[in-house]
């Protein structure tokens, strides 16, 4: 017989594969990991910190919460999928777990994963996620971004090899956004990108109209509010070793789940392109003191 941890991992794998098997009883769940019901309950409780039944109900509620913010299914449909016999039974269980009814929670969604002693949660699109074996550190994130840079350059070369010389040498006139880009629009988007992610993390709607012909005075005022909030979030995530944690971006249609580390890498990647376009445009306008906006010397200097 394997260790208790091995048994728990087999249970998690089995549960992930049979999450919609609402007819299975405790004896059948135990048999799937080759244990008696008595030993099964005792081992899972010891390792997971919650009984197998409670563990399963929590995961199904997490999936139900995720469905509420990522689909247009009715509350009744989600209740049935979660194994509840009625809308009322699901609502009572959801209210106890999340502190709000399913309809109210859907209107103002928050983190869909419930507190758990074992840190095993429902993870979209349809599986269970075990806690990370090692935490993602700020150094890990920086290293991964460099690795991604090296990989992407190689992939781009591979694809460039398919082009004829005329296309390889053709001047590039592309933008990162659909609309025509100006210094005004790019600066507004650089602020808006941070503002948008602040809103996503807090499950608030982002007002895109703020970026319509925004004055530089308004940009300065918005940056003074948005940037400290974003920087504080980044610092707290890094200090808490939470770069691998996930959050729901309910602003997406449908809603998506991202890690904090992935979000930070995304912001820095697209911001770098927009910043470069702005400093080049400023230089063309005769304001060239920012150079390329290269962070190399800035980072090397004392904070």
C-alpha atoms as a PDB file:
ATOM      1  CA  UNK A   1       0.000   0.000   0.000  1.00  0.00           C
ATOM      2  CA  UNK A   2       1.304   3.493  -0.799  1.00  0.00           C
ATOM      3  CA  UNK A   3       1.602   6.402   1.575  1.00  0.00           C
ATOM      4  CA  UNK A   4      -1.351   8.473   2.727  1.00  0.00           C
ATOM      5  CA  UNK A   5      -0.259  11.235   0.352  1.00  0.00           C
ATOM      6  CA  UNK A   6      -0.257   8.774  -2.555  1.00  0.00           C
ATOM      7  CA  UNK A   7      -3.772   7.707  -1.620  1.00  0.00           C
ATOM      8  CA  UNK A   8      -4.890  11.315  -1.488  1.00  0.00           C
ATOM      9  CA  UNK A   9      -3.410  12.015  -4.930  1.00  0.00           C
ATOM     10  CA  UNK A  10      -5.203   8.958  -6.359  1.00  0.00           C
ATOM     11  CA  UNK A  11      -8.425  10.236  -4.797  1.00  0.00           C
ATOM     12  CA  UNK A  12      -7.955  13.677  -6.375  1.00  0.00           C
ATOM     13  CA  UNK A  13      -7.252  12.129  -9.787  1.00  0.00           C
ATOM     14  CA  UNK A  14     -10.296   9.899  -9.478  1.00  0.00           C
ATOM     15  CA  UNK A  15     -12.509  12.768  -8.369  1.00  0.00           C
ATOM     16  CA  UNK A  16     -11.361  14.936 -11.275  1.00  0.00           C
ATOM     17  CA  UNK A  17     -12.246  12.133 -13.704  1.00  0.00           C
ATOM     18  CA  UNK A  18     -15.651  11.444 -12.145  1.00  0.00           C
ATOM     19  CA  UNK A  19     -16.719  14.890 -10.931  1.00  0.00           C
ATOM     20  CA  UNK A  20     -20.141  14.558 -12.581  1.00  0.00           C
ATOM     21  CA  UNK A  21     -20.798  11.080 -11.214  1.00  0.00           C
ATOM     22  CA  UNK A  22     -23.301  12.201  -8.584  1.00  0.00           C
ATOM     23  CA  UNK A  23     -24.571   8.667  -8.006  1.00  0.00           C
ATOM     24  CA  UNK A  24     -21.275   7.394  -6.563  1.00  0.00           C
ATOM     25  CA  UNK A  25     -21.365   6.765  -2.822  1.00  0.00           C
ATOM     26  CA  UNK A  26     -18.560   6.644  -0.298  1.00  0.00           C
ATOM     27  CA  UNK A  27     -17.958   2.922  -0.744  1.00  0.00           C
ATOM     28  CA  UNK A  28     -17.465   3.353  -4.489  1.00  0.00           C
ATOM     29  CA  UNK A  29     -15.109   6.306  -4.017  1.00  0.00           C
ATOM     30  CA  UNK A  30     -13.087   4.226  -1.563  1.00  0.00           C
ATOM     31  CA  UNK A  31     -13.004   1.255  -3.937  1.00  0.00           C
ATOM     32  CA  UNK A  32     -11.538   3.451  -6.688  1.00  0.00           C
ATOM     33  CA  UNK A  33      -8.431   3.966  -4.551  1.00  0.00           C
ATOM     34  CA  UNK A  34      -8.473   0.339  -3.294  1.00  0.00           C
ATOM     35  CA  UNK A  35      -9.415   1.050   0.328  1.00  0.00           C
ATOM     36  CA  UNK A  36     -12.240   0.138   2.637  1.00  0.00           C
ATOM     37  CA  UNK A  37     -14.704   2.930   3.387  1.00  0.00           C
ATOM     38  CA  UNK A  38     -13.386   3.194   6.984  1.00  0.00           C
ATOM     39  CA  UNK A  39      -9.723   3.563   5.987  1.00  0.00           C
ATOM     40  CA  UNK A  40     -10.625   5.785   3.034  1.00  0.00           C
ATOM     41  CA  UNK A  41     -12.449   8.327   5.189  1.00  0.00           C
ATOM     42  CA  UNK A  42      -9.722   8.277   7.825  1.00  0.00           C
ATOM     43  CA  UNK A  43      -6.841   8.743   5.328  1.00  0.00           C
ATOM     44  CA  UNK A  44      -8.506  11.509   3.307  1.00  0.00           C
ATOM     45  CA  UNK A  45      -9.553  13.406   6.437  1.00  0.00           C
ATOM     46  CA  UNK A  46      -6.022  13.186   7.808  1.00  0.00           C
ATOM     47  CA  UNK A  47      -4.340  14.417   4.633  1.00  0.00           C
ATOM     48  CA  UNK A  48      -6.980  16.801   3.266  1.00  0.00           C
ATOM     49  CA  UNK A  49      -8.247  18.255   6.512  1.00  0.00           C
ATOM     50  CA  UNK A  50     -11.826  17.646   5.368  1.00  0.00           C
ATOM     51  CA  UNK A  51     -13.911  14.581   4.692  1.00  0.00           C
ATOM     52  CA  UNK A  52     -14.168  13.167   1.149  1.00  0.00           C
ATOM     53  CA  UNK A  53     -17.811  14.250   0.916  1.00  0.00           C
ATOM     54  CA  UNK A  54     -17.107  17.775   2.133  1.00  0.00           C
ATOM     55  CA  UNK A  55     -14.094  17.984  -0.213  1.00  0.00           C
ATOM     56  CA  UNK A  56     -16.230  16.983  -3.185  1.00  0.00           C
ATOM     57  CA  UNK A  57     -19.069  19.382  -2.308  1.00  0.00           C
ATOM     58  CA  UNK A  58     -16.621  22.289  -1.999  1.00  0.00           C
ATOM     59  CA  UNK A  59     -15.038  21.556  -5.393  1.00  0.00           C
ATOM     60  CA  UNK A  60     -18.473  21.338  -7.022  1.00  0.00           C
ATOM     61  CA  UNK A  61     -19.460  24.673  -5.460  1.00  0.00           C
ATOM     62  CA  UNK A  62     -16.252  26.229  -6.780  1.00  0.00           C
ATOM     63  CA  UNK A  63     -17.067  24.923 -10.246  1.00  0.00           C
ATOM     64  CA  UNK A  64     -20.601  26.276  -9.865  1.00  0.00           C
ATOM     65  CA  UNK A  65     -19.253  29.700  -8.918  1.00  0.00           C
ATOM     66  CA  UNK A  66     -16.962  29.616 -11.938  1.00  0.00           C
ATOM     67  CA  UNK A  67     -19.915  28.698 -14.184  1.00  0.00           C
ATOM     68  CA  UNK A  68     -21.892  31.647 -12.801  1.00  0.00           C
ATOM     69  CA  UNK A  69     -19.319  34.155 -14.027  1.00  0.00           C
ATOM     70  CA  UNK A  70     -18.192  32.443 -17.231  1.00  0.00           C
ATOM     71  CA  UNK A  71     -21.460  31.191 -18.707  1.00  0.00           C
ATOM     72  CA  UNK A  72     -25.059  32.194 -19.259  1.00  0.00           C
ATOM     73  CA  UNK A  73     -26.405  28.988 -17.743  1.00  0.00           C
ATOM     74  CA  UNK A  74     -29.330  29.465 -15.375  1.00  0.00           C
ATOM     75  CA  UNK A  75     -28.806  28.993 -11.657  1.00  0.00           C
ATOM     76  CA  UNK A  76     -30.979  25.866 -11.874  1.00  0.00           C
ATOM     77  CA  UNK A  77     -28.820  24.373 -14.636  1.00  0.00           C
ATOM     78  CA  UNK A  78     -25.683  25.064 -12.592  1.00  0.00           C
ATOM     79  CA  UNK A  79     -27.344  23.575  -9.499  1.00  0.00           C
ATOM     80  CA  UNK A  80     -28.178  20.365 -11.357  1.00  0.00           C
ATOM     81  CA  UNK A  81     -24.649  20.152 -12.759  1.00  0.00           C
ATOM     82  CA  UNK A  82     -23.313  20.492  -9.213  1.00  0.00           C
ATOM     83  CA  UNK A  83     -25.448  17.555  -8.074  1.00  0.00           C
ATOM     84  CA  UNK A  84     -28.200  19.440  -6.216  1.00  0.00           C
ATOM     85  CA  UNK A  85     -31.769  18.312  -6.554  1.00  0.00           C
ATOM     86  CA  UNK A  86     -33.253  21.813  -6.538  1.00  0.00           C
ATOM     87  CA  UNK A  87     -32.527  25.484  -7.022  1.00  0.00           C
ATOM     88  CA  UNK A  88     -33.267  26.058  -3.316  1.00  0.00           C
ATOM     89  CA  UNK A  89     -30.810  23.433  -2.053  1.00  0.00           C
ATOM     90  CA  UNK A  90     -28.015  24.838  -4.206  1.00  0.00           C
ATOM     91  CA  UNK A  91     -28.818  28.402  -3.153  1.00  0.00           C
ATOM     92  CA  UNK A  92     -28.652  27.480   0.547  1.00  0.00           C
ATOM     93  CA  UNK A  93     -25.295  25.721   0.122  1.00  0.00           C
ATOM     94  CA  UNK A  94     -23.902  28.537  -2.018  1.00  0.00           C
ATOM     95  CA  UNK A  95     -25.081  31.189   0.448  1.00  0.00           C
ATOM     96  CA  UNK A  96     -23.337  29.397   3.322  1.00  0.00           C
ATOM     97  CA  UNK A  97     -20.101  29.082   1.361  1.00  0.00           C
ATOM     98  CA  UNK A  98     -19.929  32.470  -0.380  1.00  0.00           C
ATOM     99  CA  UNK A  99     -22.039  34.727   1.815  1.00  0.00           C
ATOM    100  CA  UNK A 100     -24.352  35.661  -1.046  1.00  0.00           C
ATOM    101  CA  UNK A 101     -26.975  34.016  -3.212  1.00  0.00           C
ATOM    102  CA  UNK A 102     -25.856  32.692  -6.612  1.00  0.00           C
ATOM    103  CA  UNK A 103     -27.649  35.528  -8.436  1.00  0.00           C
ATOM    104  CA  UNK A 104     -26.165  38.239  -6.221  1.00  0.00           C
ATOM    105  CA  UNK A 105     -22.694  36.705  -6.451  1.00  0.00           C
ATOM    106  CA  UNK A 106     -22.974  36.488 -10.241  1.00  0.00           C
ATOM    107  CA  UNK A 107     -23.685  40.227 -10.368  1.00  0.00           C
ATOM    108  CA  UNK A 108     -20.587  41.074  -8.300  1.00  0.00           C
ATOM    109  CA  UNK A 109     -18.240  38.071  -8.550  1.00  0.00           C
ATOM    110  CA  UNK A 110     -15.167  37.614  -6.415  1.00  0.00           C
ATOM    111  CA  UNK A 111     -12.507  34.926  -6.064  1.00  0.00           C
ATOM    112  CA  UNK A 112     -14.340  31.687  -6.777  1.00  0.00           C
ATOM    113  CA  UNK A 113     -12.013  29.340  -4.870  1.00  0.00           C
ATOM    114  CA  UNK A 114     -13.123  28.746  -1.291  1.00  0.00           C
ATOM    115  CA  UNK A 115     -10.732  28.515   1.688  1.00  0.00           C
ATOM    116  CA  UNK A 116      -9.462  24.947   2.000  1.00  0.00           C
ATOM    117  CA  UNK A 117      -6.958  23.317   4.389  1.00  0.00           C
ATOM    118  CA  UNK A 118      -5.397  21.328   1.515  1.00  0.00           C
ATOM    119  CA  UNK A 119      -5.266  24.085  -1.131  1.00  0.00           C
ATOM    120  CA  UNK A 120      -6.744  21.769  -3.759  1.00  0.00           C
ATOM    121  CA  UNK A 121      -9.295  23.634  -5.872  1.00  0.00           C
ATOM    122  CA  UNK A 122     -11.349  23.467  -9.018  1.00  0.00           C
ATOM    123  CA  UNK A 123      -9.223  24.768 -11.865  1.00  0.00           C
ATOM    124  CA  UNK A 124     -10.794  25.711 -15.216  1.00  0.00           C
ATOM    125  CA  UNK A 125     -11.762  24.406 -17.594  1.00  0.00           C
ATOM    126  CA  UNK A 126     -12.616  21.179 -15.812  1.00  0.00           C
ATOM    127  CA  UNK A 127      -9.987  19.789 -13.504  1.00  0.00           C
ATOM    128  CA  UNK A 128      -8.633  20.003  -9.973  1.00  0.00           C
ATOM    129  CA  UNK A 129      -5.486  21.862  -9.111  1.00  0.00           C
ATOM    130  CA  UNK A 130      -3.027  20.658  -6.504  1.00  0.00           C
ATOM    131  CA  UNK A 131      -0.958  23.258  -4.653  1.00  0.00           C
ATOM    132  CA  UNK A 132       2.276  24.132  -6.438  1.00  0.00           C
ATOM    133  CA  UNK A 133       5.259  22.034  -5.375  1.00  0.00           C
ATOM    134  CA  UNK A 134       7.381  25.179  -5.384  1.00  0.00           C
ATOM    135  CA  UNK A 135       6.419  28.825  -5.179  1.00  0.00           C
ATOM    136  CA  UNK A 136       7.030  31.142  -8.108  1.00  0.00           C
ATOM    137  CA  UNK A 137       9.426  33.872  -6.956  1.00  0.00           C
ATOM    138  CA  UNK A 138      10.141  37.267  -8.475  1.00  0.00           C
ATOM    139  CA  UNK A 139      13.438  35.847  -9.734  1.00  0.00           C
ATOM    140  CA  UNK A 140      11.567  32.902 -11.281  1.00  0.00           C
ATOM    141  CA  UNK A 141       9.241  35.313 -13.072  1.00  0.00           C
ATOM    142  CA  UNK A 142      12.117  37.410 -14.399  1.00  0.00           C
ATOM    143  CA  UNK A 143      13.929  34.266 -15.559  1.00  0.00           C
ATOM    144  CA  UNK A 144      10.801  32.942 -17.247  1.00  0.00           C
ATOM    145  CA  UNK A 145      10.325  36.241 -19.081  1.00  0.00           C
ATOM    146  CA  UNK A 146      13.891  36.055 -20.401  1.00  0.00           C
ATOM    147  CA  UNK A 147      13.340  32.421 -21.392  1.00  0.00           C
ATOM    148  CA  UNK A 148      10.141  33.434 -23.188  1.00  0.00           C
ATOM    149  CA  UNK A 149      12.044  36.205 -24.980  1.00  0.00           C
ATOM    150  CA  UNK A 150      14.688  33.751 -26.208  1.00  0.00           C
ATOM    151  CA  UNK A 151      12.076  31.179 -27.258  1.00  0.00           C
ATOM    152  CA  UNK A 152       9.967  33.762 -29.086  1.00  0.00           C
ATOM    153  CA  UNK A 153      12.935  35.205 -31.008  1.00  0.00           C
ATOM    154  CA  UNK A 154      13.823  31.700 -32.182  1.00  0.00           C
ATOM    155  CA  UNK A 155      10.235  30.978 -33.222  1.00  0.00           C
ATOM    156  CA  UNK A 156      10.045  34.264 -35.134  1.00  0.00           C
ATOM    157  CA  UNK A 157      13.265  33.422 -37.014  1.00  0.00           C
ATOM    158  CA  UNK A 158      11.828  30.007 -37.915  1.00  0.00           C
ATOM    159  CA  UNK A 159       8.748  31.656 -39.405  1.00  0.00           C
ATOM    160  CA  UNK A 160      10.738  34.440 -41.091  1.00  0.00           C
ATOM    161  CA  UNK A 161      12.637  31.767 -42.986  1.00  0.00           C
ATOM    162  CA  UNK A 162       9.436  31.079 -44.932  1.00  0.00           C
ATOM    163  CA  UNK A 163       9.279  34.624 -46.326  1.00  0.00           C
ATOM    164  CA  UNK A 164      10.831  35.749 -49.616  1.00  0.00           C
ATOM    165  CA  UNK A 165      13.527  38.426 -49.445  1.00  0.00           C
ATOM    166  CA  UNK A 166      11.102  41.149 -50.564  1.00  0.00           C
ATOM    167  CA  UNK A 167       8.856  40.530 -47.561  1.00  0.00           C
ATOM    168  CA  UNK A 168      11.801  40.229 -45.180  1.00  0.00           C
ATOM    169  CA  UNK A 169      13.001  43.672 -46.241  1.00  0.00           C
ATOM    170  CA  UNK A 170       9.607  45.374 -46.471  1.00  0.00           C
ATOM    171  CA  UNK A 171       9.226  48.368 -44.077  1.00  0.00           C
ATOM    172  CA  UNK A 172       6.980  47.556 -41.071  1.00  0.00           C
ATOM    173  CA  UNK A 173       3.948  49.742 -40.434  1.00  0.00           C
ATOM    174  CA  UNK A 174       2.043  47.881 -37.735  1.00  0.00           C
ATOM    175  CA  UNK A 175       0.452  48.845 -34.413  1.00  0.00           C
ATOM    176  CA  UNK A 176      -0.386  46.766 -31.361  1.00  0.00           C
ATOM    177  CA  UNK A 177      -3.988  48.052 -31.226  1.00  0.00           C
ATOM    178  CA  UNK A 178      -6.770  48.108 -33.798  1.00  0.00           C
ATOM    179  CA  UNK A 179      -7.253  51.880 -33.757  1.00  0.00           C
ATOM    180  CA  UNK A 180      -4.860  54.431 -35.223  1.00  0.00           C
ATOM    181  CA  UNK A 181      -2.242  55.163 -32.590  1.00  0.00           C
ATOM    182  CA  UNK A 182      -1.116  58.581 -31.392  1.00  0.00           C
ATOM    183  CA  UNK A 183       1.013  59.768 -28.503  1.00  0.00           C
ATOM    184  CA  UNK A 184      -2.227  60.675 -26.720  1.00  0.00           C
ATOM    185  CA  UNK A 185      -3.901  57.302 -27.277  1.00  0.00           C
ATOM    186  CA  UNK A 186      -0.777  55.317 -26.376  1.00  0.00           C
ATOM    187  CA  UNK A 187      -0.184  57.217 -23.123  1.00  0.00           C
ATOM    188  CA  UNK A 188      -3.838  56.862 -22.194  1.00  0.00           C
ATOM    189  CA  UNK A 189      -3.674  53.113 -22.899  1.00  0.00           C
ATOM    190  CA  UNK A 190      -0.514  52.725 -20.799  1.00  0.00           C
ATOM    191  CA  UNK A 191      -2.391  54.153 -17.823  1.00  0.00           C
ATOM    192  CA  UNK A 192      -5.572  52.334 -18.767  1.00  0.00           C
ATOM    193  CA  UNK A 193      -3.786  48.990 -18.876  1.00  0.00           C
ATOM    194  CA  UNK A 194      -2.872  49.293 -15.187  1.00  0.00           C
ATOM    195  CA  UNK A 195      -6.285  50.698 -14.355  1.00  0.00           C
ATOM    196  CA  UNK A 196      -7.978  47.839 -16.221  1.00  0.00           C
ATOM    197  CA  UNK A 197      -6.078  45.182 -14.249  1.00  0.00           C
ATOM    198  CA  UNK A 198      -6.772  46.971 -10.965  1.00  0.00           C
ATOM    199  CA  UNK A 199     -10.449  46.714 -11.872  1.00  0.00           C
ATOM    200  CA  UNK A 200     -10.161  43.069 -12.962  1.00  0.00           C
ATOM    201  CA  UNK A 201      -8.556  42.033  -9.677  1.00  0.00           C
ATOM    202  CA  UNK A 202     -11.227  43.918  -7.712  1.00  0.00           C
ATOM    203  CA  UNK A 203     -14.062  42.653  -9.987  1.00  0.00           C
ATOM    204  CA  UNK A 204     -15.006  46.197 -10.999  1.00  0.00           C
ATOM    205  CA  UNK A 205     -16.007  47.338 -14.466  1.00  0.00           C
ATOM    206  CA  UNK A 206     -13.446  49.406 -16.372  1.00  0.00           C
ATOM    207  CA  UNK A 207     -14.633  52.661 -17.958  1.00  0.00           C
ATOM    208  CA  UNK A 208     -13.137  52.656 -21.462  1.00  0.00           C
ATOM    209  CA  UNK A 209     -14.513  56.137 -22.121  1.00  0.00           C
ATOM    210  CA  UNK A 210     -11.714  57.532 -19.947  1.00  0.00           C
ATOM    211  CA  UNK A 211      -9.339  56.889 -22.843  1.00  0.00           C
ATOM    212  CA  UNK A 212     -11.348  58.913 -25.368  1.00  0.00           C
ATOM    213  CA  UNK A 213      -9.311  62.029 -26.178  1.00  0.00           C
ATOM    214  CA  UNK A 214      -7.958  62.152 -22.616  1.00  0.00           C
ATOM    215  CA  UNK A 215      -6.092  65.365 -21.800  1.00  0.00           C
ATOM    216  CA  UNK A 216      -2.552  65.197 -20.439  1.00  0.00           C
ATOM    217  CA  UNK A 217      -3.781  66.832 -17.225  1.00  0.00           C
ATOM    218  CA  UNK A 218      -6.369  64.061 -16.807  1.00  0.00           C
ATOM    219  CA  UNK A 219      -3.691  61.451 -17.585  1.00  0.00           C
ATOM    220  CA  UNK A 220      -1.446  62.882 -14.886  1.00  0.00           C
ATOM    221  CA  UNK A 221      -4.290  62.801 -12.366  1.00  0.00           C
ATOM    222  CA  UNK A 222      -5.354  59.277 -13.278  1.00  0.00           C
ATOM    223  CA  UNK A 223      -1.764  57.986 -13.191  1.00  0.00           C
ATOM    224  CA  UNK A 224      -1.348  59.378  -9.666  1.00  0.00           C
ATOM    225  CA  UNK A 225      -4.301  57.247  -8.558  1.00  0.00           C
ATOM    226  CA  UNK A 226      -3.943  54.136 -10.718  1.00  0.00           C
ATOM    227  CA  UNK A 227      -0.187  53.510 -10.619  1.00  0.00           C
ATOM    228  CA  UNK A 228       0.280  53.345  -6.798  1.00  0.00           C
ATOM    229  CA  UNK A 229      -2.622  50.900  -6.549  1.00  0.00           C
ATOM    230  CA  UNK A 230      -1.159  48.678  -9.259  1.00  0.00           C
ATOM    231  CA  UNK A 231       2.363  48.842  -7.791  1.00  0.00           C
ATOM    232  CA  UNK A 232       1.031  48.027  -4.320  1.00  0.00           C
ATOM    233  CA  UNK A 233      -0.762  44.966  -5.708  1.00  0.00           C
ATOM    234  CA  UNK A 234       2.414  43.785  -7.448  1.00  0.00           C
ATOM    235  CA  UNK A 235       4.531  44.323  -4.353  1.00  0.00           C
ATOM    236  CA  UNK A 236       2.076  42.501  -2.097  1.00  0.00           C
ATOM    237  CA  UNK A 237       1.808  39.567  -4.505  1.00  0.00           C
ATOM    238  CA  UNK A 238       5.595  39.237  -4.695  1.00  0.00           C
ATOM    239  CA  UNK A 239       6.097  39.691  -0.945  1.00  0.00           C
ATOM    240  CA  UNK A 240       3.446  37.071  -0.231  1.00  0.00           C
ATOM    241  CA  UNK A 241       4.882  34.561  -2.710  1.00  0.00           C
ATOM    242  CA  UNK A 242       1.567  34.589  -4.608  1.00  0.00           C
ATOM    243  CA  UNK A 243       2.783  34.927  -8.193  1.00  0.00           C
ATOM    244  CA  UNK A 244       1.369  31.483  -8.983  1.00  0.00           C
ATOM    245  CA  UNK A 245      -2.051  32.240  -7.455  1.00  0.00           C
ATOM    246  CA  UNK A 246      -5.025  32.751  -9.730  1.00  0.00           C
ATOM    247  CA  UNK A 247      -7.760  35.361  -9.919  1.00  0.00           C
ATOM    248  CA  UNK A 248     -10.900  35.694 -12.028  1.00  0.00           C
ATOM    249  CA  UNK A 249     -10.975  38.431 -14.655  1.00  0.00           C
ATOM    250  CA  UNK A 250     -14.731  38.872 -14.903  1.00  0.00           C
ATOM    251  CA  UNK A 251     -14.235  41.745 -17.380  1.00  0.00           C
ATOM    252  CA  UNK A 252     -13.402  39.232 -20.124  1.00  0.00           C
ATOM    253  CA  UNK A 253     -16.235  37.779 -22.174  1.00  0.00           C
ATOM    254  CA  UNK A 254     -16.391  35.033 -21.133  1.00  0.00           C
ATOM    255  CA  UNK A 255     -14.539  35.526 -17.852  1.00  0.00           C
ATOM    256  CA  UNK A 256     -11.050  34.047 -17.641  1.00  0.00           C
ATOM    257  CA  UNK A 257      -8.705  32.931 -14.900  1.00  0.00           C
ATOM    258  CA  UNK A 258      -5.125  34.225 -14.798  1.00  0.00           C
ATOM    259  CA  UNK A 259      -2.157  33.950 -12.476  1.00  0.00           C
ATOM    260  CA  UNK A 260      -0.759  37.131 -10.965  1.00  0.00           C
ATOM    261  CA  UNK A 261       2.654  36.339 -12.440  1.00  0.00           C
ATOM    262  CA  UNK A 262       1.165  35.906 -15.899  1.00  0.00           C
ATOM    263  CA  UNK A 263      -0.710  39.197 -15.568  1.00  0.00           C
ATOM    264  CA  UNK A 264       2.460  41.086 -14.598  1.00  0.00           C
ATOM    265  CA  UNK A 265       4.392  39.554 -17.506  1.00  0.00           C
ATOM    266  CA  UNK A 266       1.542  40.503 -19.870  1.00  0.00           C
ATOM    267  CA  UNK A 267       1.489  44.128 -18.694  1.00  0.00           C
ATOM    268  CA  UNK A 268       5.252  44.549 -19.025  1.00  0.00           C
ATOM    269  CA  UNK A 269       5.319  42.955 -22.493  1.00  0.00           C
ATOM    270  CA  UNK A 270       2.653  45.136 -24.109  1.00  0.00           C
ATOM    271  CA  UNK A 271       3.671  48.243 -22.170  1.00  0.00           C
ATOM    272  CA  UNK A 272       7.230  47.906 -23.521  1.00  0.00           C
ATOM    273  CA  UNK A 273       5.948  48.115 -27.099  1.00  0.00           C
ATOM    274  CA  UNK A 274       3.735  51.127 -26.421  1.00  0.00           C
ATOM    275  CA  UNK A 275       6.454  52.938 -24.461  1.00  0.00           C
ATOM    276  CA  UNK A 276       8.897  52.495 -27.335  1.00  0.00           C
ATOM    277  CA  UNK A 277       6.419  53.934 -29.826  1.00  0.00           C
ATOM    278  CA  UNK A 278       5.841  56.944 -27.566  1.00  0.00           C
ATOM    279  CA  UNK A 279       9.522  57.779 -26.980  1.00  0.00           C
ATOM    280  CA  UNK A 280      10.239  57.483 -30.706  1.00  0.00           C
ATOM    281  CA  UNK A 281       7.307  59.758 -31.524  1.00  0.00           C
ATOM    282  CA  UNK A 282       8.497  62.259 -28.917  1.00  0.00           C
ATOM    283  CA  UNK A 283      11.998  62.139 -30.392  1.00  0.00           C
ATOM    284  CA  UNK A 284      10.599  62.806 -33.874  1.00  0.00           C
ATOM    285  CA  UNK A 285       8.804  65.823 -32.369  1.00  0.00           C
ATOM    286  CA  UNK A 286      12.109  67.169 -31.060  1.00  0.00           C
ATOM    287  CA  UNK A 287      11.802  65.901 -27.460  1.00  0.00           C
ATOM    288  CA  UNK A 288      14.527  63.276 -27.349  1.00  0.00           C
ATOM    289  CA  UNK A 289      15.832  63.420 -23.778  1.00  0.00           C
ATOM    290  CA  UNK A 290      14.217  60.091 -22.858  1.00  0.00           C
ATOM    291  CA  UNK A 291      16.253  58.231 -25.457  1.00  0.00           C
ATOM    292  CA  UNK A 292      14.768  54.774 -25.982  1.00  0.00           C
ATOM    293  CA  UNK A 293      13.224  54.665 -22.532  1.00  0.00           C
ATOM    294  CA  UNK A 294      15.652  51.840 -21.754  1.00  0.00           C
ATOM    295  CA  UNK A 295      15.264  50.657 -18.126  1.00  0.00           C
ATOM    296  CA  UNK A 296      18.821  49.272 -17.900  1.00  0.00           C
ATOM    297  CA  UNK A 297      20.475  52.266 -16.216  1.00  0.00           C
ATOM    298  CA  UNK A 298      17.343  53.172 -14.243  1.00  0.00           C
ATOM    299  CA  UNK A 299      17.301  49.709 -12.650  1.00  0.00           C
ATOM    300  CA  UNK A 300      21.035  49.839 -11.886  1.00  0.00           C
ATOM    301  CA  UNK A 301      20.656  53.074  -9.923  1.00  0.00           C
ATOM    302  CA  UNK A 302      19.715  53.070  -6.207  1.00  0.00           C
ATOM    303  CA  UNK A 303      15.968  53.223  -5.606  1.00  0.00           C
END
